[in-house]
Amino acid sequence: MDVPELTPEEIQARVLHRDGLMLVIDKPAGLPVHRGPKGGANLESSFDALRFGLPRPPVLAHRLDKDTSGCLVLGRHRKATASLGLLFKHGEIDKTYWAVVEGGPTDEEGIIELPLGRKNAERGWWQKPDPDGQIAITKWKVLGRGEPHLHLHSREIVIPISKNREAVRVTAPAPEHMRERLMACGWRGQ
């Protein structure tokens, strides 16, 4: 499912949270965040429409894969982007993902504790299991069972951006292409 680049109006309509430090946007599935080696549509090309009065467009504070939808955090200036990068690096940002998969685990819930390291030095966001890597803990729970194929959605992100105020909590709506399968698994459309 390839998605064309977003118009300024379309990307502005996807802003879920905006403050002086960051934006959280609802990334559509099927659109890569970066231009690939062969070019093509990408999300970053639309960031100029997200300046909202600042001299420079925002930049990515983290990444989501092409086919993942949902909460994507952007820093609005260098200092904010550096702070967000450290929060992500040190695991201080809580992320909730919804996944609809084909097949499934036999257990109803569990915890995966598996250190992750870089798979490739030039593409640092590619991760692989690595005993010397950064600690990664994933708590998972089966919410329903059905017959669907893989869909991954970054449902919620909680960012403790400032010590002086409550963490920013942002929830992305379930994407249209996942709604029917989520309902088959017991989701009630909230």
N, C-alpha and C. Protein backbone atom coordinates (compact mmCIF):
# COMPACT_ATOMS: atom_id res chain seq x y z
N MET A 1 0.85 -1.17 0.00
CA MET A 1 0.00 0.00 0.00
C MET A 1 0.89 1.24 0.00
N ASP A 2 1.20 1.79 -1.18
CA ASP A 2 1.99 3.01 -1.26
C ASP A 2 1.06 4.21 -1.21
N VAL A 3 1.49 5.24 -0.48
CA VAL A 3 0.70 6.45 -0.27
C VAL A 3 1.44 7.61 -0.92
N PRO A 4 0.74 8.52 -1.62
CA PRO A 4 1.42 9.68 -2.20
C PRO A 4 1.84 10.67 -1.11
N GLU A 5 2.76 11.59 -1.48
CA GLU A 5 3.16 12.63 -0.52
C GLU A 5 1.94 13.42 -0.09
N LEU A 6 2.00 13.95 1.11
CA LEU A 6 0.87 14.70 1.65
C LEU A 6 0.96 16.17 1.24
N THR A 7 -0.19 16.76 0.97
CA THR A 7 -0.24 18.19 0.70
C THR A 7 -0.04 18.93 2.03
N PRO A 8 0.26 20.23 2.00
CA PRO A 8 0.38 20.97 3.25
C PRO A 8 -0.87 20.85 4.13
N GLU A 9 -2.03 20.91 3.52
CA GLU A 9 -3.27 20.79 4.29
C GLU A 9 -3.43 19.40 4.90
N GLU A 10 -3.04 18.38 4.14
CA GLU A 10 -3.17 17.00 4.64
C GLU A 10 -2.23 16.74 5.82
N ILE A 11 -0.98 17.21 5.74
CA ILE A 11 -0.07 16.95 6.86
C ILE A 11 -0.45 17.80 8.07
N GLN A 12 -0.92 19.02 7.86
CA GLN A 12 -1.36 19.85 8.99
C GLN A 12 -2.57 19.23 9.69
N ALA A 13 -3.43 18.57 8.93
CA ALA A 13 -4.60 17.90 9.52
C ALA A 13 -4.20 16.69 10.35
N ARG A 14 -2.97 16.20 10.17
CA ARG A 14 -2.49 15.02 10.90
C ARG A 14 -1.75 15.39 12.18
N VAL A 15 -1.67 16.66 12.54
CA VAL A 15 -1.00 17.07 13.77
C VAL A 15 -1.89 16.69 14.95
N LEU A 16 -1.35 15.86 15.84
CA LEU A 16 -2.07 15.41 17.03
C LEU A 16 -1.72 16.25 18.25
N HIS A 17 -0.50 16.80 18.26
CA HIS A 17 -0.03 17.62 19.39
C HIS A 17 0.96 18.63 18.86
N ARG A 18 0.88 19.86 19.38
CA ARG A 18 1.83 20.90 19.00
C ARG A 18 2.10 21.78 20.20
N ASP A 19 3.38 21.98 20.51
CA ASP A 19 3.78 22.97 21.50
C ASP A 19 5.08 23.60 21.01
N GLY A 20 5.73 24.41 21.82
CA GLY A 20 6.92 25.11 21.38
C GLY A 20 8.13 24.22 21.13
N LEU A 21 8.11 22.99 21.66
CA LEU A 21 9.25 22.09 21.55
C LEU A 21 9.07 21.01 20.49
N MET A 22 7.85 20.53 20.34
CA MET A 22 7.67 19.35 19.48
C MET A 22 6.29 19.33 18.83
N LEU A 23 6.20 18.46 17.84
CA LEU A 23 4.94 18.10 17.20
C LEU A 23 4.83 16.59 17.29
N VAL A 24 3.62 16.08 17.40
CA VAL A 24 3.37 14.65 17.21
C VAL A 24 2.34 14.58 16.09
N ILE A 25 2.70 13.85 15.04
CA ILE A 25 1.79 13.72 13.91
C ILE A 25 1.33 12.28 13.76
N ASP A 26 0.21 12.10 13.09
CA ASP A 26 -0.36 10.78 12.81
C ASP A 26 0.17 10.34 11.45
N LYS A 27 1.23 9.54 11.44
CA LYS A 27 1.85 9.07 10.20
C LYS A 27 0.94 8.06 9.51
N PRO A 28 0.70 8.24 8.20
CA PRO A 28 -0.09 7.23 7.48
C PRO A 28 0.76 6.00 7.16
N ALA A 29 0.14 4.83 7.16
CA ALA A 29 0.84 3.61 6.73
C ALA A 29 1.11 3.73 5.24
N GLY A 30 2.24 3.14 4.80
CA GLY A 30 2.56 3.10 3.38
C GLY A 30 3.40 4.25 2.88
N LEU A 31 3.74 5.21 3.75
CA LEU A 31 4.55 6.36 3.35
C LEU A 31 5.84 6.35 4.17
N PRO A 32 7.02 6.18 3.52
CA PRO A 32 8.27 6.19 4.29
C PRO A 32 8.55 7.58 4.85
N VAL A 33 9.28 7.64 5.97
CA VAL A 33 9.59 8.94 6.56
C VAL A 33 10.70 9.64 5.77
N HIS A 34 11.63 8.88 5.15
CA HIS A 34 12.74 9.46 4.38
C HIS A 34 12.60 9.13 2.91
N ARG A 35 13.20 9.97 2.07
CA ARG A 35 13.31 9.66 0.65
C ARG A 35 14.29 8.50 0.50
N GLY A 36 13.91 7.47 -0.22
CA GLY A 36 14.79 6.32 -0.42
C GLY A 36 15.84 6.60 -1.47
N PRO A 37 16.76 5.66 -1.69
CA PRO A 37 17.83 5.85 -2.68
C PRO A 37 17.28 6.05 -4.10
N LYS A 38 16.10 5.53 -4.35
CA LYS A 38 15.48 5.67 -5.68
C LYS A 38 14.51 6.84 -5.73
N GLY A 39 14.47 7.65 -4.65
CA GLY A 39 13.54 8.79 -4.62
C GLY A 39 12.16 8.31 -4.21
N GLY A 40 11.16 9.03 -4.62
CA GLY A 40 9.79 8.64 -4.33
C GLY A 40 9.17 9.44 -3.20
N ALA A 41 7.89 9.24 -3.03
CA ALA A 41 7.12 9.94 -2.00
C ALA A 41 7.68 9.64 -0.61
N ASN A 42 7.68 10.65 0.27
CA ASN A 42 8.12 10.46 1.65
C ASN A 42 7.50 11.54 2.51
N LEU A 43 7.47 11.29 3.80
CA LEU A 43 6.84 12.19 4.76
C LEU A 43 7.66 13.47 4.98
N GLU A 44 8.98 13.32 5.05
CA GLU A 44 9.86 14.46 5.33
C GLU A 44 9.68 15.60 4.33
N SER A 45 9.33 15.29 3.11
CA SER A 45 9.13 16.31 2.08
C SER A 45 8.01 17.28 2.43
N SER A 46 7.12 16.87 3.33
CA SER A 46 5.98 17.70 3.72
C SER A 46 6.24 18.54 4.97
N PHE A 47 7.40 18.39 5.61
CA PHE A 47 7.65 19.03 6.90
C PHE A 47 7.69 20.55 6.84
N ASP A 48 7.97 21.13 5.68
CA ASP A 48 8.01 22.59 5.59
C ASP A 48 6.65 23.20 5.96
N ALA A 49 5.58 22.47 5.72
CA ALA A 49 4.23 22.95 6.05
C ALA A 49 3.97 22.89 7.55
N LEU A 50 4.92 22.35 8.33
CA LEU A 50 4.74 22.22 9.78
C LEU A 50 5.62 23.20 10.57
N ARG A 51 6.08 24.26 9.92
CA ARG A 51 6.91 25.25 10.63
C ARG A 51 6.09 26.05 11.64
N PHE A 52 4.85 26.35 11.32
CA PHE A 52 3.97 27.13 12.21
C PHE A 52 4.69 28.35 12.78
N GLY A 53 5.28 29.15 11.89
CA GLY A 53 5.91 30.40 12.31
C GLY A 53 7.38 30.32 12.64
N LEU A 54 7.94 29.13 12.77
CA LEU A 54 9.37 29.00 13.07
C LEU A 54 10.18 29.09 11.77
N PRO A 55 11.45 29.48 11.86
CA PRO A 55 12.25 29.65 10.63
C PRO A 55 12.59 28.35 9.92
N ARG A 56 12.62 27.24 10.65
CA ARG A 56 12.99 25.95 10.03
C ARG A 56 11.89 24.93 10.24
N PRO A 57 11.77 23.97 9.32
CA PRO A 57 10.80 22.89 9.53
C PRO A 57 11.25 21.98 10.67
N PRO A 58 10.33 21.24 11.27
CA PRO A 58 10.72 20.29 12.32
C PRO A 58 11.52 19.14 11.72
N VAL A 59 12.18 18.39 12.61
CA VAL A 59 12.95 17.22 12.18
C VAL A 59 12.52 16.00 13.00
N LEU A 60 12.79 14.85 12.46
CA LEU A 60 12.42 13.59 13.11
C LEU A 60 13.16 13.42 14.43
N ALA A 61 12.44 13.06 15.48
CA ALA A 61 13.06 12.72 16.76
C ALA A 61 13.24 11.21 16.87
N HIS A 62 12.51 10.46 16.05
CA HIS A 62 12.63 9.00 15.95
C HIS A 62 12.02 8.61 14.61
N ARG A 63 11.89 7.34 14.35
CA ARG A 63 11.38 6.88 13.06
C ARG A 63 10.34 5.79 13.23
N LEU A 64 9.47 5.68 12.24
CA LEU A 64 8.56 4.55 12.13
C LEU A 64 8.78 3.94 10.75
N ASP A 65 8.65 2.64 10.64
CA ASP A 65 8.79 1.97 9.34
C ASP A 65 7.71 2.44 8.38
N LYS A 66 7.96 2.23 7.10
CA LYS A 66 7.04 2.67 6.04
C LYS A 66 5.60 2.21 6.30
N ASP A 67 5.42 0.95 6.67
CA ASP A 67 4.07 0.41 6.80
C ASP A 67 3.46 0.58 8.19
N THR A 68 4.17 1.26 9.10
CA THR A 68 3.65 1.53 10.44
C THR A 68 2.94 2.88 10.43
N SER A 69 1.77 2.92 11.03
CA SER A 69 1.00 4.17 11.14
C SER A 69 1.09 4.69 12.57
N GLY A 70 0.61 5.91 12.78
CA GLY A 70 0.44 6.43 14.14
C GLY A 70 1.43 7.48 14.59
N CYS A 71 1.62 7.57 15.90
CA CYS A 71 2.36 8.67 16.56
C CYS A 71 3.81 8.76 16.11
N LEU A 72 4.17 9.89 15.51
CA LEU A 72 5.54 10.17 15.10
C LEU A 72 5.93 11.52 15.68
N VAL A 73 7.05 11.56 16.42
CA VAL A 73 7.47 12.76 17.14
C VAL A 73 8.50 13.53 16.32
N LEU A 74 8.30 14.85 16.23
CA LEU A 74 9.20 15.75 15.52
C LEU A 74 9.66 16.84 16.49
N GLY A 75 10.96 17.16 16.46
CA GLY A 75 11.48 18.27 17.24
C GLY A 75 11.33 19.55 16.45
N ARG A 76 10.96 20.65 17.12
CA ARG A 76 10.72 21.92 16.43
C ARG A 76 11.96 22.79 16.31
N HIS A 77 13.00 22.50 17.10
CA HIS A 77 14.28 23.21 16.98
C HIS A 77 15.37 22.29 17.52
N ARG A 78 16.64 22.69 17.30
CA ARG A 78 17.77 21.80 17.63
C ARG A 78 17.79 21.33 19.07
N LYS A 79 17.62 22.25 20.01
CA LYS A 79 17.70 21.88 21.42
C LYS A 79 16.60 20.88 21.79
N ALA A 80 15.39 21.13 21.30
CA ALA A 80 14.27 20.22 21.58
C ALA A 80 14.52 18.85 20.95
N THR A 81 15.03 18.83 19.72
CA THR A 81 15.31 17.56 19.05
C THR A 81 16.38 16.78 19.80
N ALA A 82 17.40 17.48 20.29
CA ALA A 82 18.46 16.81 21.07
C ALA A 82 17.88 16.23 22.36
N SER A 83 17.02 16.99 23.05
CA SER A 83 16.40 16.50 24.29
C SER A 83 15.52 15.28 24.01
N LEU A 84 14.73 15.35 22.96
CA LEU A 84 13.87 14.22 22.59
C LEU A 84 14.72 12.99 22.24
N GLY A 85 15.82 13.22 21.50
CA GLY A 85 16.71 12.11 21.14
C GLY A 85 17.25 11.40 22.36
N LEU A 86 17.63 12.17 23.38
CA LEU A 86 18.13 11.56 24.62
C LEU A 86 17.04 10.78 25.35
N LEU A 87 15.82 11.33 25.37
CA LEU A 87 14.70 10.62 26.01
C LEU A 87 14.44 9.29 25.31
N PHE A 88 14.47 9.29 23.97
CA PHE A 88 14.29 8.03 23.23
C PHE A 88 15.46 7.09 23.50
N LYS A 89 16.68 7.61 23.43
CA LYS A 89 17.89 6.79 23.61
C LYS A 89 17.91 6.09 24.97
N HIS A 90 17.46 6.79 26.01
CA HIS A 90 17.51 6.24 27.36
C HIS A 90 16.23 5.54 27.77
N GLY A 91 15.32 5.31 26.81
CA GLY A 91 14.11 4.54 27.09
C GLY A 91 13.14 5.23 28.02
N GLU A 92 13.16 6.56 28.04
CA GLU A 92 12.29 7.29 28.96
C GLU A 92 10.94 7.65 28.34
N ILE A 93 10.75 7.30 27.08
CA ILE A 93 9.49 7.57 26.40
C ILE A 93 8.71 6.27 26.32
N ASP A 94 7.48 6.28 26.84
CA ASP A 94 6.63 5.09 26.76
C ASP A 94 5.92 5.07 25.41
N LYS A 95 5.97 3.92 24.76
CA LYS A 95 5.33 3.77 23.46
C LYS A 95 4.37 2.59 23.52
N THR A 96 3.19 2.78 23.00
CA THR A 96 2.20 1.70 22.90
C THR A 96 1.92 1.46 21.43
N TYR A 97 2.09 0.22 21.00
CA TYR A 97 1.81 -0.17 19.62
C TYR A 97 0.66 -1.15 19.61
N TRP A 98 -0.18 -1.04 18.60
CA TRP A 98 -1.21 -2.05 18.34
C TRP A 98 -0.76 -2.81 17.10
N ALA A 99 -0.80 -4.13 17.18
CA ALA A 99 -0.42 -4.97 16.05
C ALA A 99 -1.53 -5.97 15.78
N VAL A 100 -1.86 -6.12 14.52
CA VAL A 100 -2.77 -7.18 14.08
C VAL A 100 -1.91 -8.09 13.22
N VAL A 101 -1.81 -9.36 13.61
CA VAL A 101 -0.89 -10.28 12.93
C VAL A 101 -1.61 -11.53 12.47
N GLU A 102 -0.99 -12.23 11.53
CA GLU A 102 -1.48 -13.54 11.12
C GLU A 102 -0.85 -14.56 12.05
N GLY A 103 -1.66 -15.45 12.58
CA GLY A 103 -1.16 -16.38 13.59
C GLY A 103 -1.15 -15.68 14.92
N GLY A 104 -0.40 -16.19 15.86
CA GLY A 104 -0.33 -15.52 17.15
C GLY A 104 0.31 -16.39 18.20
N PRO A 105 0.62 -15.79 19.35
CA PRO A 105 1.26 -16.54 20.42
C PRO A 105 0.25 -17.46 21.11
N THR A 106 0.75 -18.51 21.75
CA THR A 106 -0.14 -19.41 22.49
C THR A 106 -0.55 -18.79 23.82
N ASP A 107 0.34 -18.00 24.43
CA ASP A 107 0.01 -17.33 25.70
C ASP A 107 -0.87 -16.12 25.43
N GLU A 108 -1.52 -15.64 26.48
CA GLU A 108 -2.39 -14.47 26.36
C GLU A 108 -1.67 -13.16 26.63
N GLU A 109 -0.53 -13.22 27.34
CA GLU A 109 0.28 -12.04 27.58
C GLU A 109 1.67 -12.47 27.99
N GLY A 110 2.61 -11.50 27.96
CA GLY A 110 3.97 -11.83 28.34
C GLY A 110 4.88 -10.62 28.29
N ILE A 111 6.13 -10.87 28.59
CA ILE A 111 7.15 -9.82 28.56
C ILE A 111 8.35 -10.37 27.78
N ILE A 112 8.85 -9.56 26.87
CA ILE A 112 10.07 -9.90 26.12
C ILE A 112 11.16 -8.96 26.60
N GLU A 113 12.22 -9.53 27.17
CA GLU A 113 13.38 -8.75 27.58
C GLU A 113 14.54 -9.18 26.70
N LEU A 114 14.88 -8.33 25.73
CA LEU A 114 15.88 -8.68 24.75
C LEU A 114 16.70 -7.44 24.40
N PRO A 115 17.97 -7.38 24.80
CA PRO A 115 18.79 -6.21 24.46
C PRO A 115 18.91 -6.05 22.94
N LEU A 116 18.86 -4.80 22.48
CA LEU A 116 18.95 -4.51 21.05
C LEU A 116 20.17 -3.67 20.75
N GLY A 117 20.81 -3.97 19.63
CA GLY A 117 21.96 -3.20 19.16
C GLY A 117 21.77 -2.84 17.71
N ARG A 118 22.65 -1.99 17.20
CA ARG A 118 22.56 -1.56 15.80
C ARG A 118 22.87 -2.71 14.86
N LYS A 119 22.07 -2.84 13.83
CA LYS A 119 22.30 -3.85 12.81
C LYS A 119 23.30 -3.33 11.78
N ASN A 120 23.30 -1.99 11.60
CA ASN A 120 24.12 -1.39 10.57
C ASN A 120 24.54 -0.01 11.06
N ALA A 121 25.83 0.30 11.06
CA ALA A 121 26.32 1.56 11.62
C ALA A 121 25.79 2.78 10.87
N GLU A 122 25.70 2.69 9.52
CA GLU A 122 25.21 3.84 8.74
C GLU A 122 23.72 4.06 8.93
N ARG A 123 22.97 3.00 9.16
CA ARG A 123 21.52 3.11 9.34
C ARG A 123 21.21 2.71 10.77
N GLY A 124 21.54 3.60 11.70
CA GLY A 124 21.52 3.32 13.13
C GLY A 124 20.19 2.88 13.69
N TRP A 125 19.08 3.16 13.02
CA TRP A 125 17.78 2.79 13.57
C TRP A 125 17.44 1.32 13.27
N TRP A 126 18.23 0.64 12.43
CA TRP A 126 18.03 -0.79 12.22
C TRP A 126 18.54 -1.51 13.45
N GLN A 127 17.70 -2.30 14.09
CA GLN A 127 18.08 -2.96 15.33
C GLN A 127 18.08 -4.48 15.17
N LYS A 128 18.88 -5.14 16.00
CA LYS A 128 18.94 -6.60 16.05
C LYS A 128 19.18 -7.01 17.50
N PRO A 129 18.79 -8.23 17.87
CA PRO A 129 19.13 -8.71 19.22
C PRO A 129 20.65 -8.73 19.40
N ASP A 130 21.10 -8.19 20.54
CA ASP A 130 22.53 -8.10 20.81
C ASP A 130 22.73 -8.11 22.32
N PRO A 131 23.41 -9.14 22.86
CA PRO A 131 23.60 -9.22 24.31
C PRO A 131 24.28 -7.99 24.91
N ASP A 132 25.08 -7.27 24.11
CA ASP A 132 25.75 -6.06 24.58
C ASP A 132 24.97 -4.79 24.24
N GLY A 133 23.77 -4.95 23.69
CA GLY A 133 22.97 -3.80 23.25
C GLY A 133 22.21 -3.13 24.37
N GLN A 134 21.39 -2.17 23.98
CA GLN A 134 20.58 -1.41 24.92
C GLN A 134 19.41 -2.27 25.42
N ILE A 135 19.08 -2.14 26.68
CA ILE A 135 17.97 -2.90 27.27
C ILE A 135 16.68 -2.53 26.57
N ALA A 136 15.90 -3.53 26.19
CA ALA A 136 14.58 -3.31 25.58
C ALA A 136 13.59 -4.27 26.24
N ILE A 137 12.52 -3.71 26.76
CA ILE A 137 11.49 -4.51 27.42
C ILE A 137 10.17 -4.26 26.71
N THR A 138 9.54 -5.34 26.25
CA THR A 138 8.26 -5.25 25.57
C THR A 138 7.24 -6.04 26.36
N LYS A 139 6.20 -5.35 26.84
CA LYS A 139 5.07 -6.02 27.50
C LYS A 139 3.98 -6.16 26.46
N TRP A 140 3.46 -7.39 26.29
CA TRP A 140 2.44 -7.60 25.26
C TRP A 140 1.25 -8.34 25.85
N LYS A 141 0.11 -8.15 25.19
CA LYS A 141 -1.13 -8.78 25.63
C LYS A 141 -2.02 -8.99 24.42
N VAL A 142 -2.58 -10.19 24.29
CA VAL A 142 -3.52 -10.48 23.21
C VAL A 142 -4.87 -9.89 23.60
N LEU A 143 -5.40 -9.01 22.75
CA LEU A 143 -6.69 -8.38 23.01
C LEU A 143 -7.83 -9.08 22.29
N GLY A 144 -7.49 -9.90 21.31
CA GLY A 144 -8.49 -10.65 20.56
C GLY A 144 -7.81 -11.53 19.54
N ARG A 145 -8.55 -12.45 18.98
CA ARG A 145 -7.99 -13.34 17.97
C ARG A 145 -8.89 -13.38 16.75
N GLY A 146 -8.29 -13.46 15.58
CA GLY A 146 -9.03 -13.51 14.32
C GLY A 146 -8.14 -14.09 13.23
N GLU A 147 -8.36 -13.70 11.99
CA GLU A 147 -7.60 -14.21 10.85
C GLU A 147 -6.85 -13.08 10.11
N PRO A 148 -6.38 -12.01 10.69
CA PRO A 148 -5.80 -10.90 9.92
C PRO A 148 -4.33 -11.03 9.60
N HIS A 149 -3.82 -10.21 8.62
CA HIS A 149 -2.41 -10.10 8.26
C HIS A 149 -1.79 -8.99 9.10
N LEU A 150 -0.45 -8.82 9.04
CA LEU A 150 0.24 -7.84 9.87
C LEU A 150 -0.19 -6.41 9.57
N HIS A 151 -0.51 -5.69 10.62
CA HIS A 151 -0.72 -4.24 10.60
C HIS A 151 -0.11 -3.74 11.90
N LEU A 152 0.67 -2.66 11.83
CA LEU A 152 1.32 -2.12 13.03
C LEU A 152 1.00 -0.63 13.14
N HIS A 153 0.54 -0.24 14.32
CA HIS A 153 0.09 1.14 14.56
C HIS A 153 0.69 1.65 15.86
N SER A 154 1.36 2.79 15.80
CA SER A 154 1.91 3.44 16.98
C SER A 154 0.76 4.19 17.65
N ARG A 155 0.07 3.52 18.56
CA ARG A 155 -1.18 4.01 19.13
C ARG A 155 -1.00 5.19 20.08
N GLU A 156 0.03 5.11 20.95
CA GLU A 156 0.17 6.16 21.96
C GLU A 156 1.64 6.36 22.30
N ILE A 157 1.97 7.60 22.65
CA ILE A 157 3.33 7.92 23.07
C ILE A 157 3.23 8.86 24.26
N VAL A 158 4.08 8.64 25.26
CA VAL A 158 4.09 9.48 26.47
C VAL A 158 5.50 10.04 26.61
N ILE A 159 5.60 11.39 26.56
CA ILE A 159 6.90 12.06 26.48
C ILE A 159 7.09 12.96 27.69
N PRO A 160 8.03 12.62 28.58
CA PRO A 160 8.32 13.47 29.74
C PRO A 160 9.30 14.58 29.34
N ILE A 161 8.84 15.51 28.51
CA ILE A 161 9.73 16.51 27.91
C ILE A 161 10.23 17.55 28.90
N SER A 162 9.47 17.78 29.97
CA SER A 162 9.87 18.81 30.93
C SER A 162 9.72 18.31 32.36
N LYS A 163 10.70 18.61 33.18
CA LYS A 163 10.62 18.22 34.59
C LYS A 163 9.57 19.03 35.34
N ASN A 164 9.19 20.18 34.78
CA ASN A 164 8.28 21.10 35.46
C ASN A 164 6.81 20.89 35.12
N ARG A 165 6.52 19.96 34.24
CA ARG A 165 5.12 19.73 33.91
C ARG A 165 4.88 18.25 33.62
N GLU A 166 3.61 17.89 33.61
CA GLU A 166 3.22 16.51 33.37
C GLU A 166 3.67 16.05 31.98
N ALA A 167 3.96 14.77 31.84
CA ALA A 167 4.37 14.22 30.55
C ALA A 167 3.28 14.44 29.50
N VAL A 168 3.70 14.63 28.27
CA VAL A 168 2.78 14.80 27.15
C VAL A 168 2.34 13.41 26.69
N ARG A 169 1.03 13.17 26.70
CA ARG A 169 0.47 11.89 26.27
C ARG A 169 -0.35 12.13 24.99
N VAL A 170 0.02 11.42 23.92
CA VAL A 170 -0.66 11.61 22.63
C VAL A 170 -1.13 10.25 22.12
N THR A 171 -2.38 10.20 21.68
CA THR A 171 -2.97 8.98 21.14
C THR A 171 -3.37 9.21 19.69
N ALA A 172 -2.98 8.29 18.82
CA ALA A 172 -3.35 8.37 17.39
C ALA A 172 -4.59 7.53 17.15
N PRO A 173 -5.53 8.03 16.36
CA PRO A 173 -6.72 7.24 16.05
C PRO A 173 -6.35 5.98 15.26
N ALA A 174 -7.13 4.94 15.43
CA ALA A 174 -6.89 3.71 14.66
C ALA A 174 -7.07 4.02 13.18
N PRO A 175 -6.12 3.59 12.34
CA PRO A 175 -6.23 3.89 10.91
C PRO A 175 -7.36 3.09 10.27
N GLU A 176 -7.91 3.66 9.23
CA GLU A 176 -9.06 3.05 8.54
C GLU A 176 -8.79 1.61 8.13
N HIS A 177 -7.57 1.34 7.61
CA HIS A 177 -7.26 0.00 7.09
C HIS A 177 -7.18 -1.07 8.19
N MET A 178 -7.15 -0.67 9.47
CA MET A 178 -7.09 -1.64 10.57
C MET A 178 -8.40 -1.77 11.34
N ARG A 179 -9.32 -0.86 11.14
CA ARG A 179 -10.53 -0.80 11.98
C ARG A 179 -11.34 -2.10 11.97
N GLU A 180 -11.60 -2.65 10.81
CA GLU A 180 -12.42 -3.87 10.73
C GLU A 180 -11.75 -5.03 11.47
N ARG A 181 -10.45 -5.19 11.28
CA ARG A 181 -9.72 -6.27 11.94
C ARG A 181 -9.64 -6.05 13.45
N LEU A 182 -9.46 -4.80 13.88
CA LEU A 182 -9.44 -4.51 15.31
C LEU A 182 -10.78 -4.81 15.95
N MET A 183 -11.87 -4.49 15.25
CA MET A 183 -13.21 -4.79 15.77
C MET A 183 -13.43 -6.30 15.88
N ALA A 184 -12.89 -7.07 14.93
CA ALA A 184 -12.99 -8.53 14.98
C ALA A 184 -12.25 -9.08 16.19
N CYS A 185 -11.28 -8.32 16.69
CA CYS A 185 -10.51 -8.74 17.86
C CYS A 185 -11.05 -8.15 19.16
N GLY A 186 -12.18 -7.47 19.10
CA GLY A 186 -12.81 -6.98 20.31
C GLY A 186 -12.73 -5.48 20.55
N TRP A 187 -12.05 -4.74 19.69
CA TRP A 187 -11.97 -3.28 19.84
C TRP A 187 -13.36 -2.68 19.59
N ARG A 188 -13.72 -1.69 20.37
CA ARG A 188 -15.05 -1.10 20.27
C ARG A 188 -15.03 0.31 19.67
N GLY A 189 -13.98 0.68 19.00
CA GLY A 189 -13.97 1.95 18.29
C GLY A 189 -13.64 3.17 19.14
N GLN A 190 -12.92 3.00 20.23
CA GLN A 190 -12.57 4.16 21.06
C GLN A 190 -11.14 4.56 20.82
